[in-house]
Amino acid sequence: MTAFAAILDALFADPNIGREALYTSDGGAPVLVCVVARQADAITDFGDARLWSETTRIDLRITEVPAPRPGDRLEIDGEAFLIQGEPVRDRERLIWTVDLRPA
């Protein structure tokens, strides 16, 4: 394990940062995973207009979820979400960032 991977594991394990979630792949069984939630606002250019929207993004460790897909389900604190769009891996190939929408 690299030093960077060890640091990420510590961040995900920190109760102030990481949160438990149930991940269910399409047709699979629920698996308990740890996520780091990001609920940043997004600004999108559309012609001459700029649109503001709330987003729900989370980070998943690749060791826990090797291949998330659009339509897979996550339940966080009793709220259900579906992955939308293609997940994106970080440069070190340790974390997936996924966009969520309410289920």
PDB file of N, CA and C in Angstrom:
ATOM      1  N   MET A   1       0.844  -1.169   0.000  1.00  0.00           N
ATOM      2  CA  MET A   1       0.000   0.000   0.000  1.00  0.00           C
ATOM      3  C   MET A   1       0.891   1.234   0.000  1.00  0.00           C
ATOM      4  N   THR A   2       0.532   2.178  -0.852  1.00  0.00           N
ATOM      5  CA  THR A   2       1.302   3.420  -0.910  1.00  0.00           C
ATOM      6  C   THR A   2       0.922   4.326   0.256  1.00  0.00           C
ATOM      7  N   ALA A   3       1.755   5.296   0.511  1.00  0.00           N
ATOM      8  CA  ALA A   3       1.470   6.257   1.580  1.00  0.00           C
ATOM      9  C   ALA A   3       0.186   7.024   1.276  1.00  0.00           C
ATOM     10  N   PHE A   4      -0.024   7.350  -0.001  1.00  0.00           N
ATOM     11  CA  PHE A   4      -1.232   8.069  -0.391  1.00  0.00           C
ATOM     12  C   PHE A   4      -2.476   7.226  -0.133  1.00  0.00           C
ATOM     13  N   ALA A   5      -2.431   5.943  -0.451  1.00  0.00           N
ATOM     14  CA  ALA A   5      -3.560   5.048  -0.200  1.00  0.00           C
ATOM     15  C   ALA A   5      -3.846   4.938   1.295  1.00  0.00           C
ATOM     16  N   ALA A   6      -2.804   4.897   2.107  1.00  0.00           N
ATOM     17  CA  ALA A   6      -2.982   4.824   3.563  1.00  0.00           C
ATOM     18  C   ALA A   6      -3.647   6.084   4.096  1.00  0.00           C
ATOM     19  N   ILE A   7      -3.262   7.235   3.557  1.00  0.00           N
ATOM     20  CA  ILE A   7      -3.873   8.491   3.976  1.00  0.00           C
ATOM     21  C   ILE A   7      -5.348   8.526   3.582  1.00  0.00           C
ATOM     22  N   LEU A   8      -5.662   8.069   2.380  1.00  0.00           N
ATOM     23  CA  LEU A   8      -7.061   8.030   1.948  1.00  0.00           C
ATOM     24  C   LEU A   8      -7.887   7.099   2.830  1.00  0.00           C
ATOM     25  N   ASP A   9      -7.330   5.956   3.188  1.00  0.00           N
ATOM     26  CA  ASP A   9      -8.040   5.042   4.082  1.00  0.00           C
ATOM     27  C   ASP A   9      -8.333   5.715   5.423  1.00  0.00           C
ATOM     28  N   ALA A  10      -7.368   6.486   5.926  1.00  0.00           N
ATOM     29  CA  ALA A  10      -7.580   7.190   7.191  1.00  0.00           C
ATOM     30  C   ALA A  10      -8.666   8.255   7.057  1.00  0.00           C
ATOM     31  N   LEU A  11      -8.695   8.958   5.929  1.00  0.00           N
ATOM     32  CA  LEU A  11      -9.736   9.962   5.715  1.00  0.00           C
ATOM     33  C   LEU A  11     -11.121   9.330   5.628  1.00  0.00           C
ATOM     34  N   PHE A  12     -11.237   8.244   4.898  1.00  0.00           N
ATOM     35  CA  PHE A  12     -12.526   7.569   4.779  1.00  0.00           C
ATOM     36  C   PHE A  12     -12.979   7.007   6.122  1.00  0.00           C
ATOM     37  N   ALA A  13     -12.039   6.603   6.962  1.00  0.00           N
ATOM     38  CA  ALA A  13     -12.376   6.033   8.269  1.00  0.00           C
ATOM     39  C   ALA A  13     -12.699   7.101   9.309  1.00  0.00           C
ATOM     40  N   ASP A  14     -12.329   8.349   9.058  1.00  0.00           N
ATOM     41  CA  ASP A  14     -12.602   9.432  10.006  1.00  0.00           C
ATOM     42  C   ASP A  14     -14.107   9.672  10.080  1.00  0.00           C
ATOM     43  N   PRO A  15     -14.712   9.569  11.271  1.00  0.00           N
ATOM     44  CA  PRO A  15     -16.162   9.743  11.381  1.00  0.00           C
ATOM     45  C   PRO A  15     -16.646  11.152  11.054  1.00  0.00           C
ATOM     46  N   ASN A  16     -15.748  12.120  11.006  1.00  0.00           N
ATOM     47  CA  ASN A  16     -16.126  13.482  10.634  1.00  0.00           C
ATOM     48  C   ASN A  16     -16.153  13.674   9.116  1.00  0.00           C
ATOM     49  N   ILE A  17     -15.564  12.753   8.381  1.00  0.00           N
ATOM     50  CA  ILE A  17     -15.469  12.875   6.925  1.00  0.00           C
ATOM     51  C   ILE A  17     -16.210  11.740   6.222  1.00  0.00           C
ATOM     52  N   GLY A  18     -15.866  10.509   6.580  1.00  0.00           N
ATOM     53  CA  GLY A  18     -16.471   9.347   5.935  1.00  0.00           C
ATOM     54  C   GLY A  18     -17.821   9.002   6.535  1.00  0.00           C
ATOM     55  N   ARG A  19     -18.690   8.445   5.709  1.00  0.00           N
ATOM     56  CA  ARG A  19     -20.010   8.004   6.149  1.00  0.00           C
ATOM     57  C   ARG A  19     -20.287   6.622   5.583  1.00  0.00           C
ATOM     58  N   GLU A  20     -21.020   5.826   6.344  1.00  0.00           N
ATOM     59  CA  GLU A  20     -21.393   4.502   5.861  1.00  0.00           C
ATOM     60  C   GLU A  20     -22.556   4.633   4.891  1.00  0.00           C
ATOM     61  N   ALA A  21     -22.552   3.757   3.887  1.00  0.00           N
ATOM     62  CA  ALA A  21     -23.617   3.724   2.893  1.00  0.00           C
ATOM     63  C   ALA A  21     -23.808   2.288   2.434  1.00  0.00           C
ATOM     64  N   LEU A  22     -24.988   2.003   1.926  1.00  0.00           N
ATOM     65  CA  LEU A  22     -25.258   0.706   1.316  1.00  0.00           C
ATOM     66  C   LEU A  22     -25.185   0.887  -0.192  1.00  0.00           C
ATOM     67  N   TYR A  23     -24.294   0.126  -0.816  1.00  0.00           N
ATOM     68  CA  TYR A  23     -24.131   0.171  -2.272  1.00  0.00           C
ATOM     69  C   TYR A  23     -24.730  -1.099  -2.852  1.00  0.00           C
ATOM     70  N   THR A  24     -25.586  -0.933  -3.854  1.00  0.00           N
ATOM     71  CA  THR A  24     -26.190  -2.078  -4.524  1.00  0.00           C
ATOM     72  C   THR A  24     -25.998  -1.922  -6.022  1.00  0.00           C
ATOM     73  N   SER A  25     -25.223  -2.826  -6.603  1.00  0.00           N
ATOM     74  CA  SER A  25     -25.056  -2.790  -8.056  1.00  0.00           C
ATOM     75  C   SER A  25     -26.341  -3.309  -8.690  1.00  0.00           C
ATOM     76  N   ASP A  26     -26.548  -3.004  -9.948  1.00  0.00           N
ATOM     77  CA  ASP A  26     -27.751  -3.422 -10.651  1.00  0.00           C
ATOM     78  C   ASP A  26     -27.850  -4.948 -10.635  1.00  0.00           C
ATOM     79  N   GLY A  27     -28.825  -5.461  -9.908  1.00  0.00           N
ATOM     80  CA  GLY A  27     -29.013  -6.903  -9.806  1.00  0.00           C
ATOM     81  C   GLY A  27     -28.160  -7.571  -8.747  1.00  0.00           C
ATOM     82  N   GLY A  28     -27.400  -6.807  -7.976  1.00  0.00           N
ATOM     83  CA  GLY A  28     -26.519  -7.378  -6.965  1.00  0.00           C
ATOM     84  C   GLY A  28     -27.079  -7.250  -5.560  1.00  0.00           C
ATOM     85  N   ALA A  29     -26.321  -7.754  -4.609  1.00  0.00           N
ATOM     86  CA  ALA A  29     -26.705  -7.689  -3.196  1.00  0.00           C
ATOM     87  C   ALA A  29     -26.119  -6.428  -2.569  1.00  0.00           C
ATOM     88  N   PRO A  30     -26.791  -5.836  -1.575  1.00  0.00           N
ATOM     89  CA  PRO A  30     -26.262  -4.644  -0.904  1.00  0.00           C
ATOM     90  C   PRO A  30     -24.938  -4.931  -0.195  1.00  0.00           C
ATOM     91  N   VAL A  31     -24.028  -3.966  -0.264  1.00  0.00           N
ATOM     92  CA  VAL A  31     -22.714  -4.057   0.363  1.00  0.00           C
ATOM     93  C   VAL A  31     -22.499  -2.779   1.172  1.00  0.00           C
ATOM     94  N   LEU A  32     -22.041  -2.919   2.406  1.00  0.00           N
ATOM     95  CA  LEU A  32     -21.737  -1.757   3.239  1.00  0.00           C
ATOM     96  C   LEU A  32     -20.394  -1.175   2.804  1.00  0.00           C
ATOM     97  N   VAL A  33     -20.381   0.107   2.460  1.00  0.00           N
ATOM     98  CA  VAL A  33     -19.166   0.791   2.020  1.00  0.00           C
ATOM     99  C   VAL A  33     -19.038   2.105   2.784  1.00  0.00           C
ATOM    100  N   CYS A  34     -17.892   2.726   2.669  1.00  0.00           N
ATOM    101  CA  CYS A  34     -17.661   4.040   3.263  1.00  0.00           C
ATOM    102  C   CYS A  34     -17.550   5.047   2.124  1.00  0.00           C
ATOM    103  N   VAL A  35     -18.211   6.188   2.262  1.00  0.00           N
ATOM    104  CA  VAL A  35     -18.200   7.216   1.232  1.00  0.00           C
ATOM    105  C   VAL A  35     -17.795   8.548   1.839  1.00  0.00           C
ATOM    106  N   VAL A  36     -17.305   9.428   0.991  1.00  0.00           N
ATOM    107  CA  VAL A  36     -17.077  10.815   1.366  1.00  0.00           C
ATOM    108  C   VAL A  36     -18.004  11.634   0.481  1.00  0.00           C
ATOM    109  N   ALA A  37     -18.932  12.335   1.113  1.00  0.00           N
ATOM    110  CA  ALA A  37     -19.941  13.093   0.375  1.00  0.00           C
ATOM    111  C   ALA A  37     -19.423  14.483   0.029  1.00  0.00           C
ATOM    112  N   ARG A  38     -19.783  14.916  -1.161  1.00  0.00           N
ATOM    113  CA  ARG A  38     -19.516  16.291  -1.599  1.00  0.00           C
ATOM    114  C   ARG A  38     -20.843  16.808  -2.126  1.00  0.00           C
ATOM    115  N   GLN A  39     -21.298  17.879  -1.596  1.00  0.00           N
ATOM    116  CA  GLN A  39     -22.539  18.446  -2.097  1.00  0.00           C
ATOM    117  C   GLN A  39     -22.270  19.868  -2.561  1.00  0.00           C
ATOM    118  N   ALA A  40     -21.484  19.933  -3.589  1.00  0.00           N
ATOM    119  CA  ALA A  40     -21.077  21.227  -4.129  1.00  0.00           C
ATOM    120  C   ALA A  40     -22.109  21.721  -5.138  1.00  0.00           C
ATOM    121  N   ASP A  41     -22.126  23.010  -5.345  1.00  0.00           N
ATOM    122  CA  ASP A  41     -22.962  23.585  -6.387  1.00  0.00           C
ATOM    123  C   ASP A  41     -22.199  23.512  -7.706  1.00  0.00           C
ATOM    124  N   ALA A  42     -22.952  23.410  -8.792  1.00  0.00           N
ATOM    125  CA  ALA A  42     -22.339  23.356 -10.115  1.00  0.00           C
ATOM    126  C   ALA A  42     -22.861  24.517 -10.947  1.00  0.00           C
ATOM    127  N   ILE A  43     -21.983  25.116 -11.728  1.00  0.00           N
ATOM    128  CA  ILE A  43     -22.368  26.169 -12.654  1.00  0.00           C
ATOM    129  C   ILE A  43     -22.090  25.647 -14.052  1.00  0.00           C
ATOM    130  N   THR A  44     -23.131  25.643 -14.880  1.00  0.00           N
ATOM    131  CA  THR A  44     -23.037  25.100 -16.226  1.00  0.00           C
ATOM    132  C   THR A  44     -23.334  26.200 -17.224  1.00  0.00           C
ATOM    133  N   ASP A  45     -22.497  26.330 -18.242  1.00  0.00           N
ATOM    134  CA  ASP A  45     -22.752  27.294 -19.307  1.00  0.00           C
ATOM    135  C   ASP A  45     -23.708  26.684 -20.315  1.00  0.00           C
ATOM    136  N   PHE A  46     -24.726  27.450 -20.692  1.00  0.00           N
ATOM    137  CA  PHE A  46     -25.704  27.011 -21.685  1.00  0.00           C
ATOM    138  C   PHE A  46     -25.955  28.201 -22.596  1.00  0.00           C
ATOM    139  N   GLY A  47     -25.256  28.222 -23.723  1.00  0.00           N
ATOM    140  CA  GLY A  47     -25.324  29.389 -24.593  1.00  0.00           C
ATOM    141  C   GLY A  47     -24.743  30.592 -23.864  1.00  0.00           C
ATOM    142  N   ASP A  48     -25.519  31.666 -23.805  1.00  0.00           N
ATOM    143  CA  ASP A  48     -25.080  32.870 -23.097  1.00  0.00           C
ATOM    144  C   ASP A  48     -25.451  32.845 -21.627  1.00  0.00           C
ATOM    145  N   ALA A  49     -26.189  31.848 -21.213  1.00  0.00           N
ATOM    146  CA  ALA A  49     -26.647  31.774 -19.823  1.00  0.00           C
ATOM    147  C   ALA A  49     -25.723  30.879 -19.005  1.00  0.00           C
ATOM    148  N   ARG A  50     -25.708  31.133 -17.703  1.00  0.00           N
ATOM    149  CA  ARG A  50     -24.993  30.276 -16.763  1.00  0.00           C
ATOM    150  C   ARG A  50     -26.032  29.752 -15.781  1.00  0.00           C
ATOM    151  N   LEU A  51     -26.124  28.439 -15.671  1.00  0.00           N
ATOM    152  CA  LEU A  51     -27.121  27.813 -14.818  1.00  0.00           C
ATOM    153  C   LEU A  51     -26.465  27.287 -13.554  1.00  0.00           C
ATOM    154  N   TRP A  52     -27.099  27.554 -12.410  1.00  0.00           N
ATOM    155  CA  TRP A  52     -26.626  27.076 -11.118  1.00  0.00           C
ATOM    156  C   TRP A  52     -27.501  25.913 -10.696  1.00  0.00           C
ATOM    157  N   SER A  53     -26.886  24.865 -10.195  1.00  0.00           N
ATOM    158  CA  SER A  53     -27.665  23.727  -9.693  1.00  0.00           C
ATOM    159  C   SER A  53     -26.936  23.080  -8.527  1.00  0.00           C
ATOM    160  N   GLU A  54     -27.728  22.520  -7.616  1.00  0.00           N
ATOM    161  CA  GLU A  54     -27.151  21.755  -6.527  1.00  0.00           C
ATOM    162  C   GLU A  54     -26.798  20.375  -7.062  1.00  0.00           C
ATOM    163  N   THR A  55     -25.689  19.839  -6.594  1.00  0.00           N
ATOM    164  CA  THR A  55     -25.301  18.497  -7.010  1.00  0.00           C
ATOM    165  C   THR A  55     -25.013  17.657  -5.782  1.00  0.00           C
ATOM    166  N   THR A  56     -25.121  16.366  -5.960  1.00  0.00           N
ATOM    167  CA  THR A  56     -24.711  15.430  -4.920  1.00  0.00           C
ATOM    168  C   THR A  56     -23.679  14.512  -5.547  1.00  0.00           C
ATOM    169  N   ARG A  57     -22.464  14.640  -5.072  1.00  0.00           N
ATOM    170  CA  ARG A  57     -21.365  13.796  -5.547  1.00  0.00           C
ATOM    171  C   ARG A  57     -20.759  13.108  -4.342  1.00  0.00           C
ATOM    172  N   ILE A  58     -20.293  11.908  -4.574  1.00  0.00           N
ATOM    173  CA  ILE A  58     -19.597  11.192  -3.513  1.00  0.00           C
ATOM    174  C   ILE A  58     -18.347  10.554  -4.077  1.00  0.00           C
ATOM    175  N   ASP A  59     -17.422  10.278  -3.184  1.00  0.00           N
ATOM    176  CA  ASP A  59     -16.225   9.508  -3.519  1.00  0.00           C
ATOM    177  C   ASP A  59     -16.375   8.122  -2.934  1.00  0.00           C
ATOM    178  N   LEU A  60     -16.005   7.121  -3.720  1.00  0.00           N
ATOM    179  CA  LEU A  60     -16.005   5.711  -3.312  1.00  0.00           C
ATOM    180  C   LEU A  60     -14.599   5.169  -3.501  1.00  0.00           C
ATOM    181  N   ARG A  61     -14.153   4.336  -2.579  1.00  0.00           N
ATOM    182  CA  ARG A  61     -12.849   3.700  -2.770  1.00  0.00           C
ATOM    183  C   ARG A  61     -12.984   2.562  -3.781  1.00  0.00           C
ATOM    184  N   ILE A  62     -12.055   2.494  -4.694  1.00  0.00           N
ATOM    185  CA  ILE A  62     -12.067   1.456  -5.722  1.00  0.00           C
ATOM    186  C   ILE A  62     -11.907   0.073  -5.088  1.00  0.00           C
ATOM    187  N   THR A  63     -11.233  -0.002  -3.937  1.00  0.00           N
ATOM    188  CA  THR A  63     -11.097  -1.306  -3.270  1.00  0.00           C
ATOM    189  C   THR A  63     -12.443  -1.834  -2.792  1.00  0.00           C
ATOM    190  N   GLU A  64     -13.397  -0.939  -2.503  1.00  0.00           N
ATOM    191  CA  GLU A  64     -14.723  -1.360  -2.049  1.00  0.00           C
ATOM    192  C   GLU A  64     -15.719  -1.506  -3.200  1.00  0.00           C
ATOM    193  N   VAL A  65     -15.615  -0.636  -4.200  1.00  0.00           N
ATOM    194  CA  VAL A  65     -16.523  -0.662  -5.350  1.00  0.00           C
ATOM    195  C   VAL A  65     -15.663  -0.595  -6.613  1.00  0.00           C
ATOM    196  N   PRO A  66     -15.282  -1.760  -7.146  1.00  0.00           N
ATOM    197  CA  PRO A  66     -14.352  -1.757  -8.273  1.00  0.00           C
ATOM    198  C   PRO A  66     -14.929  -1.226  -9.588  1.00  0.00           C
ATOM    199  N   ALA A  67     -16.243  -1.341  -9.791  1.00  0.00           N
ATOM    200  CA  ALA A  67     -16.813  -0.942 -11.083  1.00  0.00           C
ATOM    201  C   ALA A  67     -18.229  -0.390 -10.932  1.00  0.00           C
ATOM    202  N   PRO A  68     -18.383   0.819 -10.372  1.00  0.00           N
ATOM    203  CA  PRO A  68     -19.731   1.389 -10.277  1.00  0.00           C
ATOM    204  C   PRO A  68     -20.256   1.739 -11.663  1.00  0.00           C
ATOM    205  N   ARG A  69     -21.573   1.631 -11.829  1.00  0.00           N
ATOM    206  CA  ARG A  69     -22.198   1.897 -13.122  1.00  0.00           C
ATOM    207  C   ARG A  69     -23.409   2.800 -12.938  1.00  0.00           C
ATOM    208  N   PRO A  70     -23.770   3.552 -13.968  1.00  0.00           N
ATOM    209  CA  PRO A  70     -25.008   4.326 -13.895  1.00  0.00           C
ATOM    210  C   PRO A  70     -26.183   3.402 -13.589  1.00  0.00           C
ATOM    211  N   GLY A  71     -27.044   3.842 -12.688  1.00  0.00           N
ATOM    212  CA  GLY A  71     -28.191   3.044 -12.276  1.00  0.00           C
ATOM    213  C   GLY A  71     -27.960   2.265 -10.997  1.00  0.00           C
ATOM    214  N   ASP A  72     -26.692   2.105 -10.585  1.00  0.00           N
ATOM    215  CA  ASP A  72     -26.426   1.456  -9.300  1.00  0.00           C
ATOM    216  C   ASP A  72     -26.984   2.343  -8.194  1.00  0.00           C
ATOM    217  N   ARG A  73     -27.336   1.723  -7.071  1.00  0.00           N
ATOM    218  CA  ARG A  73     -28.037   2.419  -5.991  1.00  0.00           C
ATOM    219  C   ARG A  73     -27.149   2.585  -4.760  1.00  0.00           C
ATOM    220  N   LEU A  74     -27.264   3.745  -4.117  1.00  0.00           N
ATOM    221  CA  LEU A  74     -26.597   4.011  -2.847  1.00  0.00           C
ATOM    222  C   LEU A  74     -27.640   4.532  -1.867  1.00  0.00           C
ATOM    223  N   GLU A  75     -27.583   4.035  -0.650  1.00  0.00           N
ATOM    224  CA  GLU A  75     -28.442   4.535   0.405  1.00  0.00           C
ATOM    225  C   GLU A  75     -27.553   5.134   1.479  1.00  0.00           C
ATOM    226  N   ILE A  76     -27.741   6.434   1.725  1.00  0.00           N
ATOM    227  CA  ILE A  76     -26.926   7.176   2.687  1.00  0.00           C
ATOM    228  C   ILE A  76     -27.866   7.818   3.698  1.00  0.00           C
ATOM    229  N   ASP A  77     -27.698   7.471   4.966  1.00  0.00           N
ATOM    230  CA  ASP A  77     -28.536   8.033   6.032  1.00  0.00           C
ATOM    231  C   ASP A  77     -30.027   7.916   5.716  1.00  0.00           C
ATOM    232  N   GLY A  78     -30.430   6.787   5.178  1.00  0.00           N
ATOM    233  CA  GLY A  78     -31.841   6.544   4.889  1.00  0.00           C
ATOM    234  C   GLY A  78     -32.340   7.150   3.588  1.00  0.00           C
ATOM    235  N   GLU A  79     -31.516   7.899   2.873  1.00  0.00           N
ATOM    236  CA  GLU A  79     -31.905   8.476   1.587  1.00  0.00           C
ATOM    237  C   GLU A  79     -31.347   7.612   0.461  1.00  0.00           C
ATOM    238  N   ALA A  80     -32.180   7.333  -0.533  1.00  0.00           N
ATOM    239  CA  ALA A  80     -31.777   6.493  -1.656  1.00  0.00           C
ATOM    240  C   ALA A  80     -31.385   7.360  -2.849  1.00  0.00           C
ATOM    241  N   PHE A  81     -30.296   6.974  -3.507  1.00  0.00           N
ATOM    242  CA  PHE A  81     -29.786   7.680  -4.675  1.00  0.00           C
ATOM    243  C   PHE A  81     -29.418   6.667  -5.749  1.00  0.00           C
ATOM    244  N   LEU A  82     -29.428   7.130  -7.009  1.00  0.00           N
ATOM    245  CA  LEU A  82     -28.941   6.343  -8.130  1.00  0.00           C
ATOM    246  C   LEU A  82     -27.750   7.062  -8.746  1.00  0.00           C
ATOM    247  N   ILE A  83     -26.767   6.283  -9.183  1.00  0.00           N
ATOM    248  CA  ILE A  83     -25.622   6.869  -9.885  1.00  0.00           C
ATOM    249  C   ILE A  83     -26.094   7.310 -11.255  1.00  0.00           C
ATOM    250  N   GLN A  84     -25.753   8.547 -11.616  1.00  0.00           N
ATOM    251  CA  GLN A  84     -26.073   9.034 -12.957  1.00  0.00           C
ATOM    252  C   GLN A  84     -24.786   9.440 -13.643  1.00  0.00           C
ATOM    253  N   GLY A  85     -24.706   9.199 -14.917  1.00  0.00           N
ATOM    254  CA  GLY A  85     -23.491   9.523 -15.658  1.00  0.00           C
ATOM    255  C   GLY A  85     -22.381   8.525 -15.360  1.00  0.00           C
ATOM    256  N   GLU A  86     -21.287   8.695 -16.042  1.00  0.00           N
ATOM    257  CA  GLU A  86     -20.160   7.783 -15.883  1.00  0.00           C
ATOM    258  C   GLU A  86     -19.302   8.173 -14.681  1.00  0.00           C
ATOM    259  N   PRO A  87     -18.972   7.216 -13.831  1.00  0.00           N
ATOM    260  CA  PRO A  87     -18.050   7.480 -12.725  1.00  0.00           C
ATOM    261  C   PRO A  87     -16.673   7.889 -13.259  1.00  0.00           C
ATOM    262  N   VAL A  88     -15.961   8.698 -12.489  1.00  0.00           N
ATOM    263  CA  VAL A  88     -14.635   9.186 -12.881  1.00  0.00           C
ATOM    264  C   VAL A  88     -13.628   8.774 -11.816  1.00  0.00           C
ATOM    265  N   ARG A  89     -12.502   8.180 -12.261  1.00  0.00           N
ATOM    266  CA  ARG A  89     -11.445   7.793 -11.325  1.00  0.00           C
ATOM    267  C   ARG A  89     -10.456   8.929 -11.133  1.00  0.00           C
ATOM    268  N   ASP A  90      -9.834   8.941  -9.952  1.00  0.00           N
ATOM    269  CA  ASP A  90      -8.796   9.940  -9.700  1.00  0.00           C
ATOM    270  C   ASP A  90      -7.507   9.517 -10.402  1.00  0.00           C
ATOM    271  N   ARG A  91      -6.551  10.380 -10.383  1.00  0.00           N
ATOM    272  CA  ARG A  91      -5.279  10.156 -11.073  1.00  0.00           C
ATOM    273  C   ARG A  91      -4.536   8.919 -10.584  1.00  0.00           C
ATOM    274  N   GLU A  92      -4.610   8.650  -9.289  1.00  0.00           N
ATOM    275  CA  GLU A  92      -3.903   7.509  -8.709  1.00  0.00           C
ATOM    276  C   GLU A  92      -4.696   6.204  -8.816  1.00  0.00           C
ATOM    277  N   ARG A  93      -5.905   6.286  -9.347  1.00  0.00           N
ATOM    278  CA  ARG A  93      -6.777   5.106  -9.524  1.00  0.00           C
ATOM    279  C   ARG A  93      -7.146   4.472  -8.182  1.00  0.00           C
ATOM    280  N   LEU A  94      -7.455   5.335  -7.195  1.00  0.00           N
ATOM    281  CA  LEU A  94      -7.838   4.858  -5.870  1.00  0.00           C
ATOM    282  C   LEU A  94      -9.287   5.180  -5.518  1.00  0.00           C
ATOM    283  N   ILE A  95      -9.849   6.197  -6.171  1.00  0.00           N
ATOM    284  CA  ILE A  95     -11.178   6.692  -5.814  1.00  0.00           C
ATOM    285  C   ILE A  95     -12.018   6.915  -7.065  1.00  0.00           C
ATOM    286  N   TRP A  96     -13.291   6.533  -6.960  1.00  0.00           N
ATOM    287  CA  TRP A  96     -14.297   6.897  -7.956  1.00  0.00           C
ATOM    288  C   TRP A  96     -15.042   8.123  -7.442  1.00  0.00           C
ATOM    289  N   THR A  97     -15.314   9.081  -8.292  1.00  0.00           N
ATOM    290  CA  THR A  97     -16.246  10.168  -7.983  1.00  0.00           C
ATOM    291  C   THR A  97     -17.475   9.931  -8.830  1.00  0.00           C
ATOM    292  N   VAL A  98     -18.643   9.900  -8.173  1.00  0.00           N
ATOM    293  CA  VAL A  98     -19.889   9.636  -8.892  1.00  0.00           C
ATOM    294  C   VAL A  98     -20.913  10.735  -8.587  1.00  0.00           C
ATOM    295  N   ASP A  99     -21.714  11.038  -9.586  1.00  0.00           N
ATOM    296  CA  ASP A  99     -22.839  11.956  -9.426  1.00  0.00           C
ATOM    297  C   ASP A  99     -24.053  11.129  -9.074  1.00  0.00           C
ATOM    298  N   LEU A 100     -24.862  11.664  -8.156  1.00  0.00           N
ATOM    299  CA  LEU A 100     -26.046  10.954  -7.706  1.00  0.00           C
ATOM    300  C   LEU A 100     -27.294  11.780  -7.992  1.00  0.00           C
ATOM    301  N   ARG A 101     -28.402  11.073  -8.137  1.00  0.00           N
ATOM    302  CA  ARG A 101     -29.713  11.715  -8.193  1.00  0.00           C
ATOM    303  C   ARG A 101     -30.641  10.950  -7.269  1.00  0.00           C
ATOM    304  N   PRO A 102     -31.650  11.591  -6.716  1.00  0.00           N
ATOM    305  CA  PRO A 102     -32.568  10.871  -5.834  1.00  0.00           C
ATOM    306  C   PRO A 102     -33.216   9.705  -6.557  1.00  0.00           C
ATOM    307  N   ALA A 103     -33.411   8.604  -5.833  1.00  0.00           N
ATOM    308  CA  ALA A 103     -34.042   7.413  -6.432  1.00  0.00           C
ATOM    309  C   ALA A 103     -35.544   7.541  -6.400  1.00  0.00           C
TER     310      ALA A 103
END
